[in-house]
Amino acid sequence: MNRFDGKTVVITGGNKGIGYAIAERFTAEGANVVIASVEPQVEEAAAKLRESGAAVSGVVCDVTDPEAVRVLYERAFDEFGQVDISVQNAGIITIAKVEDLTEDKWDATMAVNTKGVFLCCQEAIRQMRKHGRGGRLINTASGQARDGFIYTPHYAASKFGVMGLTQSLAKEVALEGITVNAICPGIIKTDMWDYNDRVWGQMLGDYGPGELMASWVQNIPMKRAGEGKDVAGLIAFLASEDADYITGQTINVDGGLIMS
């Protein structure tokens, strides 16, 4: 079912992990897709997605740079004639004890995870207003937007910020037919979680590779880590007409790890 035929989707952090799975889902459902990343490998990811016959562009973009973000969304509009859906997925994490957490690490995390979401939403709204048919903004928060965890106060703060930003913007643009929602992924099989497992494992005890993550998975009612496709399914729903009356919400996708 091609629910997104003729729609244009911008996905930041779209070259790997959750972002790439989201791009795969939208291309499978007929959308034109622009994936963005600060990493130059983004074009390789776009080329792989184009193998299915989908219309996909890859753009190198630093989401903390307002000019780079402007260029990203203008390119999407110029190439495909509109911007209908924007998924703010780019994010970073570092793990450190409070005495070792530098101001640079704090600032970098807040810049990518919160300011980057704001800048992309701001520019996406400008482009959506050009065609006047509304749109969808979907922001990636985290389970740590619900429950901050040890050694990551900067990451938790950045993701709580995404949730507040989502609610405020949803109220501001509701009458324009633009919905704004956020998602909170839990433990998902990605490079980021490989890092989390390794570094938290070293700091919390004598855990070997994969052992800490495996122990945490046992706290999930479904007893498994999530995959990119689990998150992509929720994103696709929020972007679809079935979610027309949903805005300002933050939805967990974590196998029941955090229930709210």
C-alpha atoms as a PDB file:
ATOM      1  CA  MET A   1       0.000   0.000   0.000  1.00  0.00           C
ATOM      2  CA  ASN A   2       1.584   3.256  -1.174  1.00  0.00           C
ATOM      3  CA  ARG A   3       0.149   5.664   1.368  1.00  0.00           C
ATOM      4  CA  PHE A   4       2.807   8.255   0.571  1.00  0.00           C
ATOM      5  CA  ASP A   5       2.740   8.426  -3.217  1.00  0.00           C
ATOM      6  CA  GLY A   6       3.654  11.973  -4.236  1.00  0.00           C
ATOM      7  CA  LYS A   7       4.709  12.932  -0.711  1.00  0.00           C
ATOM      8  CA  THR A   8       8.185  14.225   0.108  1.00  0.00           C
ATOM      9  CA  VAL A   9       9.868  13.211   3.353  1.00  0.00           C
ATOM     10  CA  VAL A  10      13.015  14.689   4.910  1.00  0.00           C
ATOM     11  CA  ILE A  11      14.806  12.471   7.440  1.00  0.00           C
ATOM     12  CA  THR A  12      17.809  13.697   9.414  1.00  0.00           C
ATOM     13  CA  GLY A  13      20.225  11.088  10.671  1.00  0.00           C
ATOM     14  CA  GLY A  14      18.891   9.016   7.789  1.00  0.00           C
ATOM     15  CA  ASN A  15      22.011   7.190   6.688  1.00  0.00           C
ATOM     16  CA  LYS A  16      22.019   4.413   9.314  1.00  0.00           C
ATOM     17  CA  GLY A  17      20.219   2.838  12.237  1.00  0.00           C
ATOM     18  CA  ILE A  18      16.702   4.022  12.989  1.00  0.00           C
ATOM     19  CA  GLY A  19      16.889   6.788  10.383  1.00  0.00           C
ATOM     20  CA  TYR A  20      17.757   4.386   7.588  1.00  0.00           C
ATOM     21  CA  ALA A  21      14.938   2.034   8.613  1.00  0.00           C
ATOM     22  CA  ILE A  22      12.534   4.989   8.464  1.00  0.00           C
ATOM     23  CA  ALA A  23      13.793   5.851   4.990  1.00  0.00           C
ATOM     24  CA  GLU A  24      13.288   2.250   3.873  1.00  0.00           C
ATOM     25  CA  ARG A  25       9.703   2.308   5.123  1.00  0.00           C
ATOM     26  CA  PHE A  26       8.821   5.542   3.341  1.00  0.00           C
ATOM     27  CA  THR A  27      10.433   4.491   0.056  1.00  0.00           C
ATOM     28  CA  ALA A  28       8.532   1.192   0.232  1.00  0.00           C
ATOM     29  CA  GLU A  29       5.310   3.184   0.551  1.00  0.00           C
ATOM     30  CA  GLY A  30       5.975   5.425  -2.442  1.00  0.00           C
ATOM     31  CA  ALA A  31       7.441   8.600  -0.943  1.00  0.00           C
ATOM     32  CA  ASN A  32      10.167  10.800  -2.329  1.00  0.00           C
ATOM     33  CA  VAL A  33      12.840  10.796   0.372  1.00  0.00           C
ATOM     34  CA  VAL A  34      15.687  13.131   1.290  1.00  0.00           C
ATOM     35  CA  ILE A  35      18.058  11.687   3.871  1.00  0.00           C
ATOM     36  CA  ALA A  36      20.502  13.957   5.639  1.00  0.00           C
ATOM     37  CA  SER A  37      23.495  13.336   7.847  1.00  0.00           C
ATOM     38  CA  VAL A  38      26.659  15.081   8.941  1.00  0.00           C
ATOM     39  CA  GLU A  39      28.489  11.976   7.709  1.00  0.00           C
ATOM     40  CA  PRO A  40      29.622  11.922   4.044  1.00  0.00           C
ATOM     41  CA  GLN A  41      28.427   8.305   3.731  1.00  0.00           C
ATOM     42  CA  VAL A  42      24.900   9.645   3.404  1.00  0.00           C
ATOM     43  CA  GLU A  43      25.113   9.542  -0.392  1.00  0.00           C
ATOM     44  CA  GLU A  44      26.101   5.869  -0.266  1.00  0.00           C
ATOM     45  CA  ALA A  45      23.009   5.182   1.825  1.00  0.00           C
ATOM     46  CA  ALA A  46      20.862   7.134  -0.639  1.00  0.00           C
ATOM     47  CA  ALA A  47      22.286   5.161  -3.555  1.00  0.00           C
ATOM     48  CA  LYS A  48      21.418   1.903  -1.803  1.00  0.00           C
ATOM     49  CA  LEU A  49      17.842   3.077  -1.263  1.00  0.00           C
ATOM     50  CA  ARG A  50      17.572   4.072  -4.931  1.00  0.00           C
ATOM     51  CA  GLU A  51      18.239   0.458  -5.936  1.00  0.00           C
ATOM     52  CA  SER A  52      14.553  -0.220  -5.242  1.00  0.00           C
ATOM     53  CA  GLY A  53      13.595   2.398  -7.828  1.00  0.00           C
ATOM     54  CA  ALA A  54      12.667   5.010  -5.245  1.00  0.00           C
ATOM     55  CA  ALA A  55      13.413   8.723  -5.625  1.00  0.00           C
ATOM     56  CA  VAL A  56      16.000   9.388  -2.924  1.00  0.00           C
ATOM     57  CA  SER A  57      18.538  12.148  -2.378  1.00  0.00           C
ATOM     58  CA  GLY A  58      21.350  12.238   0.145  1.00  0.00           C
ATOM     59  CA  VAL A  59      22.496  15.543   1.623  1.00  0.00           C
ATOM     60  CA  VAL A  60      25.399  16.239   3.954  1.00  0.00           C
ATOM     61  CA  CYS A  61      23.974  18.526   6.623  1.00  0.00           C
ATOM     62  CA  ASP A  62      24.989  19.645  10.095  1.00  0.00           C
ATOM     63  CA  VAL A  63      21.660  20.149  11.866  1.00  0.00           C
ATOM     64  CA  THR A  64      23.246  22.638  14.281  1.00  0.00           C
ATOM     65  CA  ASP A  65      24.029  25.027  11.391  1.00  0.00           C
ATOM     66  CA  PRO A  66      21.008  27.175  10.403  1.00  0.00           C
ATOM     67  CA  GLU A  67      22.346  27.825   6.899  1.00  0.00           C
ATOM     68  CA  ALA A  68      22.971  24.132   6.245  1.00  0.00           C
ATOM     69  CA  VAL A  69      19.458  23.318   7.440  1.00  0.00           C
ATOM     70  CA  ARG A  70      17.984  26.001   5.184  1.00  0.00           C
ATOM     71  CA  VAL A  71      19.841  24.549   2.191  1.00  0.00           C
ATOM     72  CA  LEU A  72      18.637  21.027   3.063  1.00  0.00           C
ATOM     73  CA  TYR A  73      14.948  21.948   3.048  1.00  0.00           C
ATOM     74  CA  GLU A  74      15.194  24.238   0.057  1.00  0.00           C
ATOM     75  CA  ARG A  75      16.852  21.419  -1.872  1.00  0.00           C
ATOM     76  CA  ALA A  76      14.046  19.051  -0.908  1.00  0.00           C
ATOM     77  CA  PHE A  77      11.462  21.606  -2.048  1.00  0.00           C
ATOM     78  CA  ASP A  78      13.291  22.441  -5.279  1.00  0.00           C
ATOM     79  CA  GLU A  79      13.863  18.787  -6.192  1.00  0.00           C
ATOM     80  CA  PHE A  80      10.425  17.403  -5.379  1.00  0.00           C
ATOM     81  CA  GLY A  81       8.170  20.484  -5.322  1.00  0.00           C
ATOM     82  CA  GLN A  82       7.083  20.239  -1.694  1.00  0.00           C
ATOM     83  CA  VAL A  83       7.940  19.107   1.814  1.00  0.00           C
ATOM     84  CA  ASP A  84       5.149  17.111   3.447  1.00  0.00           C
ATOM     85  CA  ILE A  85       6.801  15.178   6.263  1.00  0.00           C
ATOM     86  CA  SER A  86       9.919  15.927   8.267  1.00  0.00           C
ATOM     87  CA  VAL A  87      11.472  13.458  10.694  1.00  0.00           C
ATOM     88  CA  GLN A  88      13.962  15.026  13.094  1.00  0.00           C
ATOM     89  CA  ASN A  89      16.011  11.954  13.930  1.00  0.00           C
ATOM     90  CA  ALA A  90      19.650  13.101  14.130  1.00  0.00           C
ATOM     91  CA  GLY A  91      21.057  12.589  17.602  1.00  0.00           C
ATOM     92  CA  ILE A  92      24.196  11.917  19.620  1.00  0.00           C
ATOM     93  CA  ILE A  93      25.001  10.546  23.069  1.00  0.00           C
ATOM     94  CA  THR A  94      28.006  10.544  25.370  1.00  0.00           C
ATOM     95  CA  ILE A  95      28.223   8.885  28.776  1.00  0.00           C
ATOM     96  CA  ALA A  96      30.268  10.383  31.613  1.00  0.00           C
ATOM     97  CA  LYS A  97      30.265  10.878  35.366  1.00  0.00           C
ATOM     98  CA  VAL A  98      29.257  14.368  36.356  1.00  0.00           C
ATOM     99  CA  GLU A  99      32.808  15.290  37.390  1.00  0.00           C
ATOM    100  CA  ASP A 100      34.040  14.270  33.928  1.00  0.00           C
ATOM    101  CA  LEU A 101      31.203  15.828  31.922  1.00  0.00           C
ATOM    102  CA  THR A 102      32.675  18.819  30.155  1.00  0.00           C
ATOM    103  CA  GLU A 103      30.855  21.919  29.045  1.00  0.00           C
ATOM    104  CA  ASP A 104      31.801  21.037  25.449  1.00  0.00           C
ATOM    105  CA  LYS A 105      30.060  17.665  25.719  1.00  0.00           C
ATOM    106  CA  TRP A 106      27.000  19.291  27.254  1.00  0.00           C
ATOM    107  CA  ASP A 107      26.825  21.937  24.532  1.00  0.00           C
ATOM    108  CA  ALA A 108      27.378  19.484  21.675  1.00  0.00           C
ATOM    109  CA  THR A 109      24.614  17.181  22.901  1.00  0.00           C
ATOM    110  CA  MET A 110      22.130  19.996  23.375  1.00  0.00           C
ATOM    111  CA  ALA A 111      23.073  21.489  19.993  1.00  0.00           C
ATOM    112  CA  VAL A 112      22.401  18.327  17.988  1.00  0.00           C
ATOM    113  CA  ASN A 113      19.557  16.783  19.966  1.00  0.00           C
ATOM    114  CA  THR A 114      17.502  19.874  20.816  1.00  0.00           C
ATOM    115  CA  LYS A 115      18.638  22.869  18.789  1.00  0.00           C
ATOM    116  CA  GLY A 116      18.903  20.664  15.695  1.00  0.00           C
ATOM    117  CA  VAL A 117      15.306  19.528  16.115  1.00  0.00           C
ATOM    118  CA  PHE A 118      14.183  23.152  16.491  1.00  0.00           C
ATOM    119  CA  LEU A 119      16.075  24.363  13.412  1.00  0.00           C
ATOM    120  CA  CYS A 120      14.728  21.548  11.241  1.00  0.00           C
ATOM    121  CA  CYS A 121      11.150  22.028  12.452  1.00  0.00           C
ATOM    122  CA  GLN A 122      11.446  25.758  11.839  1.00  0.00           C
ATOM    123  CA  GLU A 123      12.622  25.316   8.262  1.00  0.00           C
ATOM    124  CA  ALA A 124      10.210  22.458   7.525  1.00  0.00           C
ATOM    125  CA  ILE A 125       7.299  24.666   8.608  1.00  0.00           C
ATOM    126  CA  ARG A 126       8.480  27.401   6.242  1.00  0.00           C
ATOM    127  CA  GLN A 127       8.503  24.941   3.350  1.00  0.00           C
ATOM    128  CA  MET A 128       5.143  23.378   4.287  1.00  0.00           C
ATOM    129  CA  ARG A 129       3.566  26.827   4.282  1.00  0.00           C
ATOM    130  CA  LYS A 130       4.589  27.265   0.648  1.00  0.00           C
ATOM    131  CA  HIS A 131       2.064  24.678  -0.509  1.00  0.00           C
ATOM    132  CA  GLY A 132      -0.435  25.325   2.288  1.00  0.00           C
ATOM    133  CA  ARG A 133      -1.599  21.730   2.666  1.00  0.00           C
ATOM    134  CA  GLY A 134      -0.325  21.119   6.167  1.00  0.00           C
ATOM    135  CA  GLY A 135       2.260  18.525   7.022  1.00  0.00           C
ATOM    136  CA  ARG A 136       3.781  16.244   9.606  1.00  0.00           C
ATOM    137  CA  LEU A 137       6.661  16.941  11.978  1.00  0.00           C
ATOM    138  CA  ILE A 138       7.925  13.914  13.897  1.00  0.00           C
ATOM    139  CA  ASN A 139      10.700  14.315  16.445  1.00  0.00           C
ATOM    140  CA  THR A 140      12.875  11.585  17.910  1.00  0.00           C
ATOM    141  CA  ALA A 141      13.123  11.908  21.670  1.00  0.00           C
ATOM    142  CA  SER A 142      14.124   8.916  23.825  1.00  0.00           C
ATOM    143  CA  GLY A 143      13.118   6.813  26.792  1.00  0.00           C
ATOM    144  CA  GLN A 144      15.293   9.318  28.626  1.00  0.00           C
ATOM    145  CA  ALA A 145      12.668  11.961  27.886  1.00  0.00           C
ATOM    146  CA  ARG A 146      10.571   9.950  30.355  1.00  0.00           C
ATOM    147  CA  ASP A 147      13.196   8.778  32.826  1.00  0.00           C
ATOM    148  CA  GLY A 148      16.736  10.176  32.943  1.00  0.00           C
ATOM    149  CA  PHE A 149      19.461   7.622  33.508  1.00  0.00           C
ATOM    150  CA  ILE A 150      22.771   7.644  35.330  1.00  0.00           C
ATOM    151  CA  TYR A 151      25.804   9.349  33.730  1.00  0.00           C
ATOM    152  CA  THR A 152      23.739  11.022  30.974  1.00  0.00           C
ATOM    153  CA  PRO A 153      22.190  14.211  32.432  1.00  0.00           C
ATOM    154  CA  HIS A 154      23.016  16.162  29.267  1.00  0.00           C
ATOM    155  CA  TYR A 155      21.390  13.551  27.027  1.00  0.00           C
ATOM    156  CA  ALA A 156      18.284  13.320  29.229  1.00  0.00           C
ATOM    157  CA  ALA A 157      17.972  17.115  29.322  1.00  0.00           C
ATOM    158  CA  SER A 158      18.252  17.315  25.551  1.00  0.00           C
ATOM    159  CA  LYS A 159      15.486  14.747  25.074  1.00  0.00           C
ATOM    160  CA  PHE A 160      13.180  16.278  27.668  1.00  0.00           C
ATOM    161  CA  GLY A 161      13.682  19.436  25.624  1.00  0.00           C
ATOM    162  CA  VAL A 162      12.472  17.678  22.483  1.00  0.00           C
ATOM    163  CA  MET A 163       9.256  16.717  24.237  1.00  0.00           C
ATOM    164  CA  GLY A 164       8.600  20.302  25.372  1.00  0.00           C
ATOM    165  CA  LEU A 165       9.426  21.682  21.938  1.00  0.00           C
ATOM    166  CA  THR A 166       7.011  19.199  20.367  1.00  0.00           C
ATOM    167  CA  GLN A 167       4.128  20.255  22.589  1.00  0.00           C
ATOM    168  CA  SER A 168       4.699  23.977  22.094  1.00  0.00           C
ATOM    169  CA  LEU A 169       4.993  23.777  18.309  1.00  0.00           C
ATOM    170  CA  ALA A 170       1.946  21.511  18.066  1.00  0.00           C
ATOM    171  CA  LYS A 171      -0.177  24.263  19.612  1.00  0.00           C
ATOM    172  CA  GLU A 172       1.330  26.952  17.409  1.00  0.00           C
ATOM    173  CA  VAL A 173       0.748  25.314  14.018  1.00  0.00           C
ATOM    174  CA  ALA A 174      -2.352  23.216  14.677  1.00  0.00           C
ATOM    175  CA  LEU A 175      -4.696  25.476  12.695  1.00  0.00           C
ATOM    176  CA  GLU A 176      -2.410  25.176   9.659  1.00  0.00           C
ATOM    177  CA  GLY A 177      -2.957  21.420   9.438  1.00  0.00           C
ATOM    178  CA  ILE A 178       0.576  20.658  10.622  1.00  0.00           C
ATOM    179  CA  THR A 179       0.792  18.015  13.323  1.00  0.00           C
ATOM    180  CA  VAL A 180       3.814  17.743  15.604  1.00  0.00           C
ATOM    181  CA  ASN A 181       4.530  14.556  17.532  1.00  0.00           C
ATOM    182  CA  ALA A 182       7.493  12.856  19.143  1.00  0.00           C
ATOM    183  CA  ILE A 183       8.577   9.288  19.719  1.00  0.00           C
ATOM    184  CA  CYS A 184      10.568   7.740  22.560  1.00  0.00           C
ATOM    185  CA  PRO A 185      12.542   4.711  21.367  1.00  0.00           C
ATOM    186  CA  GLY A 186      13.790   2.352  24.033  1.00  0.00           C
ATOM    187  CA  ILE A 187      16.542  -0.213  23.564  1.00  0.00           C
ATOM    188  CA  ILE A 188      16.932  -0.514  19.801  1.00  0.00           C
ATOM    189  CA  LYS A 189      19.595  -2.508  17.963  1.00  0.00           C
ATOM    190  CA  THR A 190      21.771   0.314  16.590  1.00  0.00           C
ATOM    191  CA  ASP A 191      25.361   1.537  16.656  1.00  0.00           C
ATOM    192  CA  MET A 192      24.357   3.934  19.431  1.00  0.00           C
ATOM    193  CA  TRP A 193      23.234   1.055  21.602  1.00  0.00           C
ATOM    194  CA  ASP A 194      26.478  -0.799  20.907  1.00  0.00           C
ATOM    195  CA  TYR A 195      28.221   2.259  22.362  1.00  0.00           C
ATOM    196  CA  ASN A 196      25.816   2.403  25.294  1.00  0.00           C
ATOM    197  CA  ASP A 197      26.343  -1.269  26.087  1.00  0.00           C
ATOM    198  CA  ARG A 198      30.112  -0.924  25.995  1.00  0.00           C
ATOM    199  CA  VAL A 199      30.517   2.315  27.953  1.00  0.00           C
ATOM    200  CA  TRP A 200      27.736   1.873  30.515  1.00  0.00           C
ATOM    201  CA  GLY A 201      28.904  -1.722  30.892  1.00  0.00           C
ATOM    202  CA  GLN A 202      32.393  -0.541  31.824  1.00  0.00           C
ATOM    203  CA  MET A 203      31.071   2.072  34.247  1.00  0.00           C
ATOM    204  CA  LEU A 204      28.361   0.007  35.935  1.00  0.00           C
ATOM    205  CA  GLY A 205      30.278  -3.221  36.416  1.00  0.00           C
ATOM    206  CA  ASP A 206      32.381  -5.928  34.883  1.00  0.00           C
ATOM    207  CA  TYR A 207      30.184  -6.551  31.840  1.00  0.00           C
ATOM    208  CA  GLY A 208      31.455  -8.145  28.647  1.00  0.00           C
ATOM    209  CA  PRO A 209      30.240  -7.108  25.188  1.00  0.00           C
ATOM    210  CA  GLY A 210      26.472  -7.424  24.953  1.00  0.00           C
ATOM    211  CA  GLU A 211      25.991  -8.496  28.560  1.00  0.00           C
ATOM    212  CA  LEU A 212      24.627  -5.248  29.978  1.00  0.00           C
ATOM    213  CA  MET A 213      22.189  -4.776  27.123  1.00  0.00           C
ATOM    214  CA  ALA A 214      21.043  -8.390  27.484  1.00  0.00           C
ATOM    215  CA  SER A 215      20.403  -7.872  31.196  1.00  0.00           C
ATOM    216  CA  TRP A 216      18.384  -4.721  30.514  1.00  0.00           C
ATOM    217  CA  VAL A 217      16.354  -6.485  27.835  1.00  0.00           C
ATOM    218  CA  GLN A 218      15.153  -8.860  30.534  1.00  0.00           C
ATOM    219  CA  ASN A 219      13.322  -5.890  32.078  1.00  0.00           C
ATOM    220  CA  ILE A 220      11.322  -5.413  28.877  1.00  0.00           C
ATOM    221  CA  PRO A 221       7.950  -7.198  29.059  1.00  0.00           C
ATOM    222  CA  MET A 222       8.379  -8.393  25.454  1.00  0.00           C
ATOM    223  CA  LYS A 223      11.891  -9.709  26.300  1.00  0.00           C
ATOM    224  CA  ARG A 224      13.569  -8.403  23.171  1.00  0.00           C
ATOM    225  CA  ALA A 225      15.364  -5.322  21.965  1.00  0.00           C
ATOM    226  CA  GLY A 226      13.643  -3.327  19.293  1.00  0.00           C
ATOM    227  CA  GLU A 227      14.683  -3.032  15.660  1.00  0.00           C
ATOM    228  CA  GLY A 228      14.654  -0.073  13.340  1.00  0.00           C
ATOM    229  CA  LYS A 229      11.527  -1.363  11.636  1.00  0.00           C
ATOM    230  CA  ASP A 230       9.625  -1.212  14.936  1.00  0.00           C
ATOM    231  CA  VAL A 231      10.282   2.517  15.147  1.00  0.00           C
ATOM    232  CA  ALA A 232       9.675   3.046  11.428  1.00  0.00           C
ATOM    233  CA  GLY A 233       6.196   1.571  11.735  1.00  0.00           C
ATOM    234  CA  LEU A 234       5.216   4.146  14.347  1.00  0.00           C
ATOM    235  CA  ILE A 235       6.718   6.971  12.293  1.00  0.00           C
ATOM    236  CA  ALA A 236       4.762   5.875   9.216  1.00  0.00           C
ATOM    237  CA  PHE A 237       1.535   5.808  11.210  1.00  0.00           C
ATOM    238  CA  LEU A 238       2.099   9.313  12.607  1.00  0.00           C
ATOM    239  CA  ALA A 239       2.824  10.553   9.081  1.00  0.00           C
ATOM    240  CA  SER A 240      -0.321   8.981   7.634  1.00  0.00           C
ATOM    241  CA  GLU A 241      -3.883  10.232   7.362  1.00  0.00           C
ATOM    242  CA  ASP A 242      -4.827   7.798  10.141  1.00  0.00           C
ATOM    243  CA  ALA A 243      -3.056  10.161  12.547  1.00  0.00           C
ATOM    244  CA  ASP A 244      -4.851  13.329  11.396  1.00  0.00           C
ATOM    245  CA  TYR A 245      -6.256  13.971  14.885  1.00  0.00           C
ATOM    246  CA  ILE A 246      -3.056  13.272  16.824  1.00  0.00           C
ATOM    247  CA  THR A 247      -0.745  16.134  17.707  1.00  0.00           C
ATOM    248  CA  GLY A 248       1.451  17.224  20.598  1.00  0.00           C
ATOM    249  CA  GLN A 249       1.924  13.625  21.709  1.00  0.00           C
ATOM    250  CA  THR A 250       5.046  11.730  22.732  1.00  0.00           C
ATOM    251  CA  ILE A 251       4.726   7.995  22.157  1.00  0.00           C
ATOM    252  CA  ASN A 252       6.949   5.270  23.581  1.00  0.00           C
ATOM    253  CA  VAL A 253       8.194   2.487  21.321  1.00  0.00           C
ATOM    254  CA  ASP A 254      10.075   0.238  23.701  1.00  0.00           C
ATOM    255  CA  GLY A 255       8.323  -3.111  24.131  1.00  0.00           C
ATOM    256  CA  GLY A 256       6.637  -1.885  27.304  1.00  0.00           C
ATOM    257  CA  LEU A 257       9.822  -0.924  29.152  1.00  0.00           C
ATOM    258  CA  ILE A 258       8.291   2.428  30.182  1.00  0.00           C
ATOM    259  CA  MET A 259       4.516   2.558  30.363  1.00  0.00           C
ATOM    260  CA  SER A 260       2.660   5.866  30.430  1.00  0.00           C
END
